[in-house]
PDB file of N, CA and C in Angstrom:
ATOM      1  N   MET A   1      16.130 -11.428   6.425  1.00  0.00           N
ATOM      2  CA  MET A   1      15.830 -12.060   5.178  1.00  0.00           C
ATOM      3  C   MET A   1      16.318 -13.484   5.226  1.00  0.00           C
ATOM      4  N   SER A   2      15.606 -14.397   4.616  1.00  0.00           N
ATOM      5  CA  SER A   2      15.970 -15.800   4.636  1.00  0.00           C
ATOM      6  C   SER A   2      17.188 -16.040   3.767  1.00  0.00           C
ATOM      7  N   THR A   3      18.040 -16.948   4.227  1.00  0.00           N
ATOM      8  CA  THR A   3      19.222 -17.280   3.449  1.00  0.00           C
ATOM      9  C   THR A   3      18.973 -18.458   2.537  1.00  0.00           C
ATOM     10  N   SER A   4      17.957 -19.242   2.818  1.00  0.00           N
ATOM     11  CA  SER A   4      17.658 -20.395   1.966  1.00  0.00           C
ATOM     12  C   SER A   4      16.676 -19.991   0.877  1.00  0.00           C
ATOM     13  N   THR A   5      16.852 -20.612  -0.276  1.00  0.00           N
ATOM     14  CA  THR A   5      15.927 -20.350  -1.374  1.00  0.00           C
ATOM     15  C   THR A   5      15.046 -21.560  -1.560  1.00  0.00           C
ATOM     16  N   GLU A   6      13.778 -21.301  -1.680  1.00  0.00           N
ATOM     17  CA  GLU A   6      12.827 -22.385  -1.851  1.00  0.00           C
ATOM     18  C   GLU A   6      12.429 -22.465  -3.311  1.00  0.00           C
ATOM     19  N   THR A   7      12.685 -23.623  -3.918  1.00  0.00           N
ATOM     20  CA  THR A   7      12.339 -23.803  -5.321  1.00  0.00           C
ATOM     21  C   THR A   7      11.230 -24.834  -5.474  1.00  0.00           C
ATOM     22  N   ALA A   8      10.640 -25.227  -4.370  1.00  0.00           N
ATOM     23  CA  ALA A   8       9.588 -26.235  -4.446  1.00  0.00           C
ATOM     24  C   ALA A   8       8.351 -25.646  -5.109  1.00  0.00           C
ATOM     25  N   THR A   9       7.685 -26.470  -5.885  1.00  0.00           N
ATOM     26  CA  THR A   9       6.460 -26.021  -6.524  1.00  0.00           C
ATOM     27  C   THR A   9       5.305 -26.169  -5.551  1.00  0.00           C
ATOM     28  N   ALA A  10       4.257 -25.458  -5.834  1.00  0.00           N
ATOM     29  CA  ALA A  10       3.077 -25.507  -4.973  1.00  0.00           C
ATOM     30  C   ALA A  10       2.427 -26.880  -5.086  1.00  0.00           C
ATOM     31  N   SER A  11       2.046 -27.410  -3.964  1.00  0.00           N
ATOM     32  CA  SER A  11       1.417 -28.728  -3.957  1.00  0.00           C
ATOM     33  C   SER A  11      -0.052 -28.608  -4.356  1.00  0.00           C
ATOM     34  N   PRO A  12      -0.654 -29.722  -4.756  1.00  0.00           N
ATOM     35  CA  PRO A  12      -2.094 -29.671  -5.076  1.00  0.00           C
ATOM     36  C   PRO A  12      -2.938 -29.223  -3.883  1.00  0.00           C
ATOM     37  N   LEU A  13      -2.443 -29.500  -2.677  1.00  0.00           N
ATOM     38  CA  LEU A  13      -3.180 -29.061  -1.491  1.00  0.00           C
ATOM     39  C   LEU A  13      -3.188 -27.531  -1.406  1.00  0.00           C
ATOM     40  N   ASP A  14      -2.070 -26.897  -1.823  1.00  0.00           N
ATOM     41  CA  ASP A  14      -2.039 -25.431  -1.848  1.00  0.00           C
ATOM     42  C   ASP A  14      -3.076 -24.880  -2.816  1.00  0.00           C
ATOM     43  N   TRP A  15      -3.199 -25.489  -3.979  1.00  0.00           N
ATOM     44  CA  TRP A  15      -4.208 -25.042  -4.950  1.00  0.00           C
ATOM     45  C   TRP A  15      -5.605 -25.180  -4.369  1.00  0.00           C
ATOM     46  N   PHE A  16      -5.841 -26.276  -3.643  1.00  0.00           N
ATOM     47  CA  PHE A  16      -7.154 -26.467  -3.023  1.00  0.00           C
ATOM     48  C   PHE A  16      -7.405 -25.387  -1.970  1.00  0.00           C
ATOM     49  N   LYS A  17      -6.366 -25.051  -1.189  1.00  0.00           N
ATOM     50  CA  LYS A  17      -6.522 -24.012  -0.165  1.00  0.00           C
ATOM     51  C   LYS A  17      -6.832 -22.662  -0.806  1.00  0.00           C
ATOM     52  N   TRP A  18      -6.158 -22.326  -1.917  1.00  0.00           N
ATOM     53  CA  TRP A  18      -6.439 -21.063  -2.595  1.00  0.00           C
ATOM     54  C   TRP A  18      -7.846 -21.059  -3.177  1.00  0.00           C
ATOM     55  N   PHE A  19      -8.285 -22.218  -3.698  1.00  0.00           N
ATOM     56  CA  PHE A  19      -9.660 -22.325  -4.186  1.00  0.00           C
ATOM     57  C   PHE A  19     -10.640 -22.112  -3.044  1.00  0.00           C
ATOM     58  N   LEU A  20     -10.317 -22.695  -1.880  1.00  0.00           N
ATOM     59  CA  LEU A  20     -11.173 -22.535  -0.707  1.00  0.00           C
ATOM     60  C   LEU A  20     -11.231 -21.081  -0.254  1.00  0.00           C
ATOM     61  N   VAL A  21     -10.094 -20.383  -0.280  1.00  0.00           N
ATOM     62  CA  VAL A  21     -10.054 -18.959   0.081  1.00  0.00           C
ATOM     63  C   VAL A  21     -10.934 -18.154  -0.873  1.00  0.00           C
ATOM     64  N   ALA A  22     -10.799 -18.431  -2.187  1.00  0.00           N
ATOM     65  CA  ALA A  22     -11.613 -17.713  -3.172  1.00  0.00           C
ATOM     66  C   ALA A  22     -13.097 -18.018  -2.972  1.00  0.00           C
ATOM     67  N   ALA A  23     -13.427 -19.277  -2.662  1.00  0.00           N
ATOM     68  CA  ALA A  23     -14.826 -19.648  -2.442  1.00  0.00           C
ATOM     69  C   ALA A  23     -15.389 -18.960  -1.202  1.00  0.00           C
ATOM     70  N   ILE A  24     -14.593 -18.871  -0.152  1.00  0.00           N
ATOM     71  CA  ILE A  24     -15.049 -18.199   1.077  1.00  0.00           C
ATOM     72  C   ILE A  24     -15.288 -16.717   0.813  1.00  0.00           C
ATOM     73  N   LEU A  25     -14.347 -16.078   0.135  1.00  0.00           N
ATOM     74  CA  LEU A  25     -14.514 -14.650  -0.158  1.00  0.00           C
ATOM     75  C   LEU A  25     -15.686 -14.409  -1.112  1.00  0.00           C
ATOM     76  N   GLY A  26     -15.806 -15.241  -2.139  1.00  0.00           N
ATOM     77  CA  GLY A  26     -16.938 -15.110  -3.057  1.00  0.00           C
ATOM     78  C   GLY A  26     -18.266 -15.361  -2.356  1.00  0.00           C
ATOM     79  N   GLY A  27     -18.282 -16.367  -1.478  1.00  0.00           N
ATOM     80  CA  GLY A  27     -19.501 -16.642  -0.712  1.00  0.00           C
ATOM     81  C   GLY A  27     -19.861 -15.499   0.212  1.00  0.00           C
ATOM     82  N   GLY A  28     -18.843 -14.859   0.796  1.00  0.00           N
ATOM     83  CA  GLY A  28     -19.105 -13.711   1.667  1.00  0.00           C
ATOM     84  C   GLY A  28     -19.692 -12.541   0.903  1.00  0.00           C
ATOM     85  N   ILE A  29     -19.165 -12.308  -0.297  1.00  0.00           N
ATOM     86  CA  ILE A  29     -19.702 -11.217  -1.130  1.00  0.00           C
ATOM     87  C   ILE A  29     -21.138 -11.523  -1.529  1.00  0.00           C
ATOM     88  N   PHE A  30     -21.391 -12.776  -1.933  1.00  0.00           N
ATOM     89  CA  PHE A  30     -22.746 -13.151  -2.316  1.00  0.00           C
ATOM     90  C   PHE A  30     -23.696 -13.050  -1.117  1.00  0.00           C
ATOM     91  N   ALA A  31     -23.248 -13.520   0.061  1.00  0.00           N
ATOM     92  CA  ALA A  31     -24.099 -13.472   1.254  1.00  0.00           C
ATOM     93  C   ALA A  31     -24.390 -12.023   1.648  1.00  0.00           C
ATOM     94  N   ASN A  32     -23.414 -11.150   1.494  1.00  0.00           N
ATOM     95  CA  ASN A  32     -23.635  -9.742   1.806  1.00  0.00           C
ATOM     96  C   ASN A  32     -24.706  -9.152   0.892  1.00  0.00           C
ATOM     97  N   TRP A  33     -24.691  -9.547  -0.373  1.00  0.00           N
ATOM     98  CA  TRP A  33     -25.714  -9.072  -1.301  1.00  0.00           C
ATOM     99  C   TRP A  33     -27.070  -9.726  -1.003  1.00  0.00           C
ATOM    100  N   TYR A  34     -27.063 -11.032  -0.744  1.00  0.00           N
ATOM    101  CA  TYR A  34     -28.301 -11.775  -0.545  1.00  0.00           C
ATOM    102  C   TYR A  34     -29.028 -11.324   0.725  1.00  0.00           C
ATOM    103  N   PHE A  35     -28.263 -11.040   1.768  1.00  0.00           N
ATOM    104  CA  PHE A  35     -28.863 -10.626   3.041  1.00  0.00           C
ATOM    105  C   PHE A  35     -28.815  -9.114   3.224  1.00  0.00           C
ATOM    106  N   GLN A  36     -28.980  -8.364   2.136  1.00  0.00           N
ATOM    107  CA  GLN A  36     -28.889  -6.916   2.219  1.00  0.00           C
ATOM    108  C   GLN A  36     -30.006  -6.283   3.045  1.00  0.00           C
ATOM    109  N   ASP A  37     -31.088  -7.007   3.276  1.00  0.00           N
ATOM    110  CA  ASP A  37     -32.165  -6.449   4.099  1.00  0.00           C
ATOM    111  C   ASP A  37     -31.918  -6.677   5.593  1.00  0.00           C
ATOM    112  N   GLN A  38     -30.864  -7.412   5.940  1.00  0.00           N
ATOM    113  CA  GLN A  38     -30.510  -7.636   7.342  1.00  0.00           C
ATOM    114  C   GLN A  38     -29.693  -6.445   7.857  1.00  0.00           C
ATOM    115  N   SER A  39     -29.474  -6.439   9.145  1.00  0.00           N
ATOM    116  CA  SER A  39     -28.722  -5.353   9.777  1.00  0.00           C
ATOM    117  C   SER A  39     -27.290  -5.301   9.232  1.00  0.00           C
ATOM    118  N   LEU A  40     -26.821  -4.091   9.026  1.00  0.00           N
ATOM    119  CA  LEU A  40     -25.461  -3.899   8.527  1.00  0.00           C
ATOM    120  C   LEU A  40     -24.433  -4.451   9.508  1.00  0.00           C
ATOM    121  N   LEU A  41     -24.698  -4.325  10.800  1.00  0.00           N
ATOM    122  CA  LEU A  41     -23.789  -4.828  11.815  1.00  0.00           C
ATOM    123  C   LEU A  41     -23.568  -6.331  11.661  1.00  0.00           C
ATOM    124  N   TYR A  42     -24.639  -7.080  11.457  1.00  0.00           N
ATOM    125  CA  TYR A  42     -24.517  -8.537  11.308  1.00  0.00           C
ATOM    126  C   TYR A  42     -23.764  -8.897  10.031  1.00  0.00           C
ATOM    127  N   ARG A  43     -24.027  -8.161   8.970  1.00  0.00           N
ATOM    128  CA  ARG A  43     -23.341  -8.452   7.708  1.00  0.00           C
ATOM    129  C   ARG A  43     -21.845  -8.157   7.818  1.00  0.00           C
ATOM    130  N   VAL A  44     -21.494  -7.047   8.461  1.00  0.00           N
ATOM    131  CA  VAL A  44     -20.079  -6.705   8.628  1.00  0.00           C
ATOM    132  C   VAL A  44     -19.389  -7.718   9.532  1.00  0.00           C
ATOM    133  N   MET A  45     -20.048  -8.124  10.613  1.00  0.00           N
ATOM    134  CA  MET A  45     -19.458  -9.133  11.492  1.00  0.00           C
ATOM    135  C   MET A  45     -19.242 -10.445  10.744  1.00  0.00           C
ATOM    136  N   GLY A  46     -20.188 -10.833   9.913  1.00  0.00           N
ATOM    137  CA  GLY A  46     -20.036 -12.046   9.117  1.00  0.00           C
ATOM    138  C   GLY A  46     -18.888 -11.937   8.126  1.00  0.00           C
ATOM    139  N   LEU A  47     -18.768 -10.774   7.480  1.00  0.00           N
ATOM    140  CA  LEU A  47     -17.670 -10.574   6.533  1.00  0.00           C
ATOM    141  C   LEU A  47     -16.317 -10.587   7.233  1.00  0.00           C
ATOM    142  N   ILE A  48     -16.250 -10.041   8.434  1.00  0.00           N
ATOM    143  CA  ILE A  48     -14.991 -10.057   9.184  1.00  0.00           C
ATOM    144  C   ILE A  48     -14.605 -11.483   9.556  1.00  0.00           C
ATOM    145  N   VAL A  49     -15.581 -12.258  10.010  1.00  0.00           N
ATOM    146  CA  VAL A  49     -15.308 -13.659  10.357  1.00  0.00           C
ATOM    147  C   VAL A  49     -14.826 -14.423   9.136  1.00  0.00           C
ATOM    148  N   LEU A  50     -15.488 -14.229   7.999  1.00  0.00           N
ATOM    149  CA  LEU A  50     -15.072 -14.921   6.781  1.00  0.00           C
ATOM    150  C   LEU A  50     -13.701 -14.459   6.305  1.00  0.00           C
ATOM    151  N   ALA A  51     -13.391 -13.183   6.435  1.00  0.00           N
ATOM    152  CA  ALA A  51     -12.084 -12.674   6.034  1.00  0.00           C
ATOM    153  C   ALA A  51     -10.980 -13.248   6.913  1.00  0.00           C
ATOM    154  N   VAL A  52     -11.229 -13.343   8.221  1.00  0.00           N
ATOM    155  CA  VAL A  52     -10.236 -13.937   9.132  1.00  0.00           C
ATOM    156  C   VAL A  52     -10.033 -15.404   8.795  1.00  0.00           C
ATOM    157  N   LEU A  53     -11.113 -16.118   8.509  1.00  0.00           N
ATOM    158  CA  LEU A  53     -11.019 -17.530   8.132  1.00  0.00           C
ATOM    159  C   LEU A  53     -10.238 -17.694   6.831  1.00  0.00           C
ATOM    160  N   ALA A  54     -10.528 -16.867   5.845  1.00  0.00           N
ATOM    161  CA  ALA A  54      -9.815 -16.930   4.568  1.00  0.00           C
ATOM    162  C   ALA A  54      -8.340 -16.592   4.759  1.00  0.00           C
ATOM    163  N   PHE A  55      -8.034 -15.609   5.605  1.00  0.00           N
ATOM    164  CA  PHE A  55      -6.644 -15.250   5.874  1.00  0.00           C
ATOM    165  C   PHE A  55      -5.914 -16.390   6.568  1.00  0.00           C
ATOM    166  N   ALA A  56      -6.576 -17.029   7.529  1.00  0.00           N
ATOM    167  CA  ALA A  56      -5.953 -18.150   8.244  1.00  0.00           C
ATOM    168  C   ALA A  56      -5.643 -19.299   7.293  1.00  0.00           C
ATOM    169  N   ILE A  57      -6.513 -19.542   6.349  1.00  0.00           N
ATOM    170  CA  ILE A  57      -6.260 -20.607   5.372  1.00  0.00           C
ATOM    171  C   ILE A  57      -5.163 -20.181   4.402  1.00  0.00           C
ATOM    172  N   ALA A  58      -5.161 -18.924   3.983  1.00  0.00           N
ATOM    173  CA  ALA A  58      -4.195 -18.446   3.002  1.00  0.00           C
ATOM    174  C   ALA A  58      -2.769 -18.503   3.532  1.00  0.00           C
ATOM    175  N   ILE A  59      -2.554 -18.189   4.808  1.00  0.00           N
ATOM    176  CA  ILE A  59      -1.184 -18.208   5.318  1.00  0.00           C
ATOM    177  C   ILE A  59      -0.684 -19.631   5.554  1.00  0.00           C
ATOM    178  N   GLN A  60      -1.551 -20.618   5.392  1.00  0.00           N
ATOM    179  CA  GLN A  60      -1.120 -22.011   5.504  1.00  0.00           C
ATOM    180  C   GLN A  60      -0.497 -22.510   4.204  1.00  0.00           C
ATOM    181  N   THR A  61      -0.641 -21.749   3.126  1.00  0.00           N
ATOM    182  CA  THR A  61      -0.047 -22.145   1.851  1.00  0.00           C
ATOM    183  C   THR A  61       1.402 -21.689   1.802  1.00  0.00           C
ATOM    184  N   GLN A  62       2.140 -22.179   0.807  1.00  0.00           N
ATOM    185  CA  GLN A  62       3.556 -21.815   0.681  1.00  0.00           C
ATOM    186  C   GLN A  62       3.709 -20.326   0.377  1.00  0.00           C
ATOM    187  N   LYS A  63       2.974 -19.832  -0.602  1.00  0.00           N
ATOM    188  CA  LYS A  63       3.074 -18.414  -0.952  1.00  0.00           C
ATOM    189  C   LYS A  63       2.508 -17.524   0.146  1.00  0.00           C
ATOM    190  N   GLY A  64       1.441 -17.944   0.771  1.00  0.00           N
ATOM    191  CA  GLY A  64       0.860 -17.158   1.861  1.00  0.00           C
ATOM    192  C   GLY A  64       1.798 -17.069   3.048  1.00  0.00           C
ATOM    193  N   GLY A  65       2.465 -18.183   3.367  1.00  0.00           N
ATOM    194  CA  GLY A  65       3.437 -18.172   4.461  1.00  0.00           C
ATOM    195  C   GLY A  65       4.621 -17.275   4.147  1.00  0.00           C
ATOM    196  N   ALA A  66       5.072 -17.307   2.890  1.00  0.00           N
ATOM    197  CA  ALA A  66       6.183 -16.439   2.488  1.00  0.00           C
ATOM    198  C   ALA A  66       5.776 -14.964   2.573  1.00  0.00           C
ATOM    199  N   ALA A  67       4.552 -14.657   2.146  1.00  0.00           N
ATOM    200  CA  ALA A  67       4.070 -13.267   2.218  1.00  0.00           C
ATOM    201  C   ALA A  67       3.948 -12.817   3.669  1.00  0.00           C
ATOM    202  N   TRP A  68       3.452 -13.681   4.537  1.00  0.00           N
ATOM    203  CA  TRP A  68       3.306 -13.338   5.946  1.00  0.00           C
ATOM    204  C   TRP A  68       4.682 -13.128   6.579  1.00  0.00           C
ATOM    205  N   SER A  69       5.645 -13.959   6.205  1.00  0.00           N
ATOM    206  CA  SER A  69       7.009 -13.804   6.707  1.00  0.00           C
ATOM    207  C   SER A  69       7.594 -12.469   6.248  1.00  0.00           C
ATOM    208  N   LEU A  70       7.362 -12.105   4.996  1.00  0.00           N
ATOM    209  CA  LEU A  70       7.844 -10.824   4.477  1.00  0.00           C
ATOM    210  C   LEU A  70       7.220  -9.651   5.231  1.00  0.00           C
ATOM    211  N   ILE A  71       5.937  -9.745   5.527  1.00  0.00           N
ATOM    212  CA  ILE A  71       5.251  -8.676   6.264  1.00  0.00           C
ATOM    213  C   ILE A  71       5.850  -8.529   7.658  1.00  0.00           C
ATOM    214  N   LYS A  72       6.112  -9.649   8.331  1.00  0.00           N
ATOM    215  CA  LYS A  72       6.700  -9.586   9.673  1.00  0.00           C
ATOM    216  C   LYS A  72       8.111  -9.003   9.629  1.00  0.00           C
ATOM    217  N   GLU A  73       8.901  -9.373   8.616  1.00  0.00           N
ATOM    218  CA  GLU A  73      10.253  -8.823   8.492  1.00  0.00           C
ATOM    219  C   GLU A  73      10.212  -7.327   8.195  1.00  0.00           C
ATOM    220  N   ALA A  74       9.279  -6.900   7.343  1.00  0.00           N
ATOM    221  CA  ALA A  74       9.159  -5.476   7.022  1.00  0.00           C
ATOM    222  C   ALA A  74       8.755  -4.683   8.261  1.00  0.00           C
ATOM    223  N   ARG A  75       7.889  -5.247   9.071  1.00  0.00           N
ATOM    224  CA  ARG A  75       7.479  -4.569  10.297  1.00  0.00           C
ATOM    225  C   ARG A  75       8.662  -4.422  11.258  1.00  0.00           C
ATOM    226  N   GLY A  76       9.477  -5.467  11.338  1.00  0.00           N
ATOM    227  CA  GLY A  76      10.668  -5.395  12.178  1.00  0.00           C
ATOM    228  C   GLY A  76      11.650  -4.348  11.678  1.00  0.00           C
ATOM    229  N   GLU A  77      11.806  -4.239  10.352  1.00  0.00           N
ATOM    230  CA  GLU A  77      12.693  -3.224   9.787  1.00  0.00           C
ATOM    231  C   GLU A  77      12.162  -1.817  10.073  1.00  0.00           C
ATOM    232  N   ALA A  78      10.855  -1.628   9.998  1.00  0.00           N
ATOM    233  CA  ALA A  78      10.270  -0.312  10.257  1.00  0.00           C
ATOM    234  C   ALA A  78      10.474   0.105  11.711  1.00  0.00           C
ATOM    235  N   ARG A  79      10.534  -0.867  12.604  1.00  0.00           N
ATOM    236  CA  ARG A  79      10.774  -0.536  14.018  1.00  0.00           C
ATOM    237  C   ARG A  79      12.200  -0.062  14.249  1.00  0.00           C
ATOM    238  N   ARG A  80      13.139  -0.503  13.401  1.00  0.00           N
ATOM    239  CA  ARG A  80      14.543  -0.132  13.580  1.00  0.00           C
ATOM    240  C   ARG A  80      14.885   1.211  12.944  1.00  0.00           C
ATOM    241  N   VAL A  81      13.949   1.811  12.235  1.00  0.00           N
ATOM    242  CA  VAL A  81      14.204   3.087  11.577  1.00  0.00           C
ATOM    243  C   VAL A  81      14.322   4.183  12.637  1.00  0.00           C
ATOM    244  N   VAL A  82      15.304   5.057  12.459  1.00  0.00           N
ATOM    245  CA  VAL A  82      15.459   6.199  13.358  1.00  0.00           C
ATOM    246  C   VAL A  82      14.654   7.343  12.766  1.00  0.00           C
ATOM    247  N   TRP A  83      13.553   7.668  13.412  1.00  0.00           N
ATOM    248  CA  TRP A  83      12.668   8.711  12.914  1.00  0.00           C
ATOM    249  C   TRP A  83      13.176  10.066  13.375  1.00  0.00           C
ATOM    250  N   PRO A  84      13.024  11.118  12.535  1.00  0.00           N
ATOM    251  CA  PRO A  84      13.524  12.453  12.913  1.00  0.00           C
ATOM    252  C   PRO A  84      12.679  13.068  14.025  1.00  0.00           C
ATOM    253  N   LYS A  85      13.354  13.932  14.778  1.00  0.00           N
ATOM    254  CA  LYS A  85      12.652  14.665  15.836  1.00  0.00           C
ATOM    255  C   LYS A  85      11.808  15.767  15.194  1.00  0.00           C
ATOM    256  N   ARG A  86      10.944  16.379  15.997  1.00  0.00           N
ATOM    257  CA  ARG A  86      10.055  17.426  15.488  1.00  0.00           C
ATOM    258  C   ARG A  86      10.854  18.609  14.939  1.00  0.00           C
ATOM    259  N   GLN A  87      11.905  19.014  15.644  1.00  0.00           N
ATOM    260  CA  GLN A  87      12.703  20.156  15.212  1.00  0.00           C
ATOM    261  C   GLN A  87      13.359  19.868  13.857  1.00  0.00           C
ATOM    262  N   GLU A  88      13.890  18.666  13.682  1.00  0.00           N
ATOM    263  CA  GLU A  88      14.508  18.313  12.406  1.00  0.00           C
ATOM    264  C   GLU A  88      13.483  18.335  11.274  1.00  0.00           C
ATOM    265  N   THR A  89      12.296  17.846  11.546  1.00  0.00           N
ATOM    266  CA  THR A  89      11.244  17.824  10.532  1.00  0.00           C
ATOM    267  C   THR A  89      10.837  19.238  10.139  1.00  0.00           C
ATOM    268  N   VAL A  90      10.677  20.115  11.118  1.00  0.00           N
ATOM    269  CA  VAL A  90      10.292  21.499  10.833  1.00  0.00           C
ATOM    270  C   VAL A  90      11.380  22.199  10.034  1.00  0.00           C
ATOM    271  N   GLN A  91      12.651  22.011  10.428  1.00  0.00           N
ATOM    272  CA  GLN A  91      13.755  22.658   9.714  1.00  0.00           C
ATOM    273  C   GLN A  91      13.837  22.170   8.265  1.00  0.00           C
ATOM    274  N   THR A  92      13.707  20.877   8.068  1.00  0.00           N
ATOM    275  CA  THR A  92      13.772  20.328   6.713  1.00  0.00           C
ATOM    276  C   THR A  92      12.607  20.833   5.873  1.00  0.00           C
ATOM    277  N   THR A  93      11.436  20.916   6.463  1.00  0.00           N
ATOM    278  CA  THR A  93      10.267  21.417   5.735  1.00  0.00           C
ATOM    279  C   THR A  93      10.463  22.873   5.343  1.00  0.00           C
ATOM    280  N   LEU A  94      10.987  23.675   6.242  1.00  0.00           N
ATOM    281  CA  LEU A  94      11.231  25.087   5.930  1.00  0.00           C
ATOM    282  C   LEU A  94      12.272  25.241   4.830  1.00  0.00           C
ATOM    283  N   ILE A  95      13.317  24.424   4.858  1.00  0.00           N
ATOM    284  CA  ILE A  95      14.331  24.483   3.799  1.00  0.00           C
ATOM    285  C   ILE A  95      13.707  24.145   2.455  1.00  0.00           C
ATOM    286  N   VAL A  96      12.887  23.113   2.417  1.00  0.00           N
ATOM    287  CA  VAL A  96      12.229  22.728   1.170  1.00  0.00           C
ATOM    288  C   VAL A  96      11.319  23.843   0.680  1.00  0.00           C
ATOM    289  N   LEU A  97      10.539  24.453   1.563  1.00  0.00           N
ATOM    290  CA  LEU A  97       9.641  25.533   1.158  1.00  0.00           C
ATOM    291  C   LEU A  97      10.413  26.737   0.621  1.00  0.00           C
ATOM    292  N   VAL A  98      11.506  27.102   1.276  1.00  0.00           N
ATOM    293  CA  VAL A  98      12.313  28.236   0.816  1.00  0.00           C
ATOM    294  C   VAL A  98      12.893  27.944  -0.560  1.00  0.00           C
ATOM    295  N   LEU A  99      13.417  26.735  -0.751  1.00  0.00           N
ATOM    296  CA  LEU A  99      13.980  26.387  -2.053  1.00  0.00           C
ATOM    297  C   LEU A  99      12.914  26.343  -3.146  1.00  0.00           C
ATOM    298  N   VAL A 100      11.732  25.879  -2.825  1.00  0.00           N
ATOM    299  CA  VAL A 100      10.641  25.868  -3.813  1.00  0.00           C
ATOM    300  C   VAL A 100      10.291  27.298  -4.209  1.00  0.00           C
ATOM    301  N   ILE A 101      10.214  28.192  -3.245  1.00  0.00           N
ATOM    302  CA  ILE A 101       9.904  29.594  -3.552  1.00  0.00           C
ATOM    303  C   ILE A 101      11.012  30.221  -4.398  1.00  0.00           C
ATOM    304  N   ILE A 102      12.268  29.952  -4.055  1.00  0.00           N
ATOM    305  CA  ILE A 102      13.386  30.501  -4.833  1.00  0.00           C
ATOM    306  C   ILE A 102      13.345  30.005  -6.275  1.00  0.00           C
ATOM    307  N   PHE A 103      13.175  28.708  -6.444  1.00  0.00           N
ATOM    308  CA  PHE A 103      13.125  28.173  -7.809  1.00  0.00           C
ATOM    309  C   PHE A 103      11.885  28.634  -8.562  1.00  0.00           C
ATOM    310  N   ALA A 104      10.788  28.836  -7.871  1.00  0.00           N
ATOM    311  CA  ALA A 104       9.600  29.377  -8.523  1.00  0.00           C
ATOM    312  C   ALA A 104       9.858  30.791  -9.025  1.00  0.00           C
ATOM    313  N   LEU A 105      10.533  31.591  -8.227  1.00  0.00           N
ATOM    314  CA  LEU A 105      10.878  32.957  -8.652  1.00  0.00           C
ATOM    315  C   LEU A 105      11.840  32.937  -9.834  1.00  0.00           C
ATOM    316  N   ILE A 106      12.832  32.050  -9.796  1.00  0.00           N
ATOM    317  CA  ILE A 106      13.765  31.943 -10.918  1.00  0.00           C
ATOM    318  C   ILE A 106      13.031  31.560 -12.195  1.00  0.00           C
ATOM    319  N   LEU A 107      12.160  30.571 -12.110  1.00  0.00           N
ATOM    320  CA  LEU A 107      11.399  30.146 -13.286  1.00  0.00           C
ATOM    321  C   LEU A 107      10.459  31.247 -13.764  1.00  0.00           C
ATOM    322  N   TRP A 108       9.867  31.998 -12.836  1.00  0.00           N
ATOM    323  CA  TRP A 108       8.978  33.094 -13.220  1.00  0.00           C
ATOM    324  C   TRP A 108       9.756  34.184 -13.955  1.00  0.00           C
ATOM    325  N   LEU A 109      10.946  34.527 -13.420  1.00  0.00           N
ATOM    326  CA  LEU A 109      11.780  35.531 -14.080  1.00  0.00           C
ATOM    327  C   LEU A 109      12.233  35.044 -15.460  1.00  0.00           C
ATOM    328  N   LEU A 110      12.628  33.783 -15.553  1.00  0.00           N
ATOM    329  CA  LEU A 110      13.045  33.241 -16.839  1.00  0.00           C
ATOM    330  C   LEU A 110      11.887  33.238 -17.830  1.00  0.00           C
ATOM    331  N   ASP A 111      10.705  32.856 -17.373  1.00  0.00           N
ATOM    332  CA  ASP A 111       9.526  32.845 -18.235  1.00  0.00           C
ATOM    333  C   ASP A 111       9.168  34.261 -18.677  1.00  0.00           C
ATOM    334  N   SER A 112       9.220  35.212 -17.741  1.00  0.00           N
ATOM    335  CA  SER A 112       8.901  36.602 -18.084  1.00  0.00           C
ATOM    336  C   SER A 112       9.909  37.161 -19.075  1.00  0.00           C
ATOM    337  N   GLY A 113      11.184  36.856 -18.840  1.00  0.00           N
ATOM    338  CA  GLY A 113      12.217  37.351 -19.750  1.00  0.00           C
ATOM    339  C   GLY A 113      12.089  36.756 -21.139  1.00  0.00           C
ATOM    340  N   LEU A 114      11.866  35.473 -21.224  1.00  0.00           N
ATOM    341  CA  LEU A 114      11.693  34.845 -22.538  1.00  0.00           C
ATOM    342  C   LEU A 114      10.419  35.326 -23.214  1.00  0.00           C
ATOM    343  N   SER A 115       9.386  35.518 -22.429  1.00  0.00           N
ATOM    344  CA  SER A 115       8.129  36.031 -22.993  1.00  0.00           C
ATOM    345  C   SER A 115       8.328  37.436 -23.550  1.00  0.00           C
ATOM    346  N   TRP A 116       9.047  38.299 -22.821  1.00  0.00           N
ATOM    347  CA  TRP A 116       9.338  39.648 -23.303  1.00  0.00           C
ATOM    348  C   TRP A 116      10.181  39.612 -24.569  1.00  0.00           C
ATOM    349  N   LEU A 117      11.190  38.689 -24.580  1.00  0.00           N
ATOM    350  CA  LEU A 117      12.061  38.562 -25.732  1.00  0.00           C
ATOM    351  C   LEU A 117      11.297  38.128 -26.973  1.00  0.00           C
ATOM    352  N   VAL A 118      10.429  37.128 -26.812  1.00  0.00           N
ATOM    353  CA  VAL A 118       9.641  36.619 -27.946  1.00  0.00           C
ATOM    354  C   VAL A 118       8.658  37.681 -28.422  1.00  0.00           C
ATOM    355  N   SER A 119       8.011  38.379 -27.494  1.00  0.00           N
ATOM    356  CA  SER A 119       7.048  39.409 -27.912  1.00  0.00           C
ATOM    357  C   SER A 119       7.742  40.590 -28.602  1.00  0.00           C
ATOM    358  N   SER A 120       8.963  40.911 -28.195  1.00  0.00           N
ATOM    359  CA  SER A 120       9.677  41.996 -28.860  1.00  0.00           C
ATOM    360  C   SER A 120      10.174  41.582 -30.233  1.00  0.00           C
ATOM    361  N   VAL A 121      10.513  40.310 -30.432  1.00  0.00           N
ATOM    362  CA  VAL A 121      10.954  39.838 -31.739  1.00  0.00           C
ATOM    363  C   VAL A 121       9.766  39.735 -32.681  1.00  0.00           C
ATOM    364  N   ILE A 122       8.660  39.188 -32.192  1.00  0.00           N
ATOM    365  CA  ILE A 122       7.470  38.989 -33.033  1.00  0.00           C
ATOM    366  C   ILE A 122       6.813  40.336 -33.317  1.00  0.00           C
ATOM    367  N   GLY A 123       6.815  41.190 -32.358  1.00  0.00           N
ATOM    368  CA  GLY A 123       6.267  42.524 -32.600  1.00  0.00           C
ATOM    369  C   GLY A 123       5.082  42.750 -31.838  1.00  0.00           C
TER     370      GLY A 123
END
């Protein structure tokens, strides 16, 4: 995590870049609709190219760069996680299933007992 705090406001160039990203994405959606009689492969390839271009422009902004940095840090943290082995996962799953069954039986008995009690009082 970064130790410095950035309090700078977004520059007018950042606003222009975000406008450009929105225009590229909007143009891609419109082009996909306009060229609907063309091959799906060509339309998907065009949308992928436009999405990559929009992403490249977006990460050049202050907020986009911060988001990209956060994504990279989160990925690094996920790599450091110690994942459980198969045996641990199976044992934990079995414990959870047994406890769910036990509590289900307890709730069923409590419900049956209260139901019997209410029906005997009401008549």
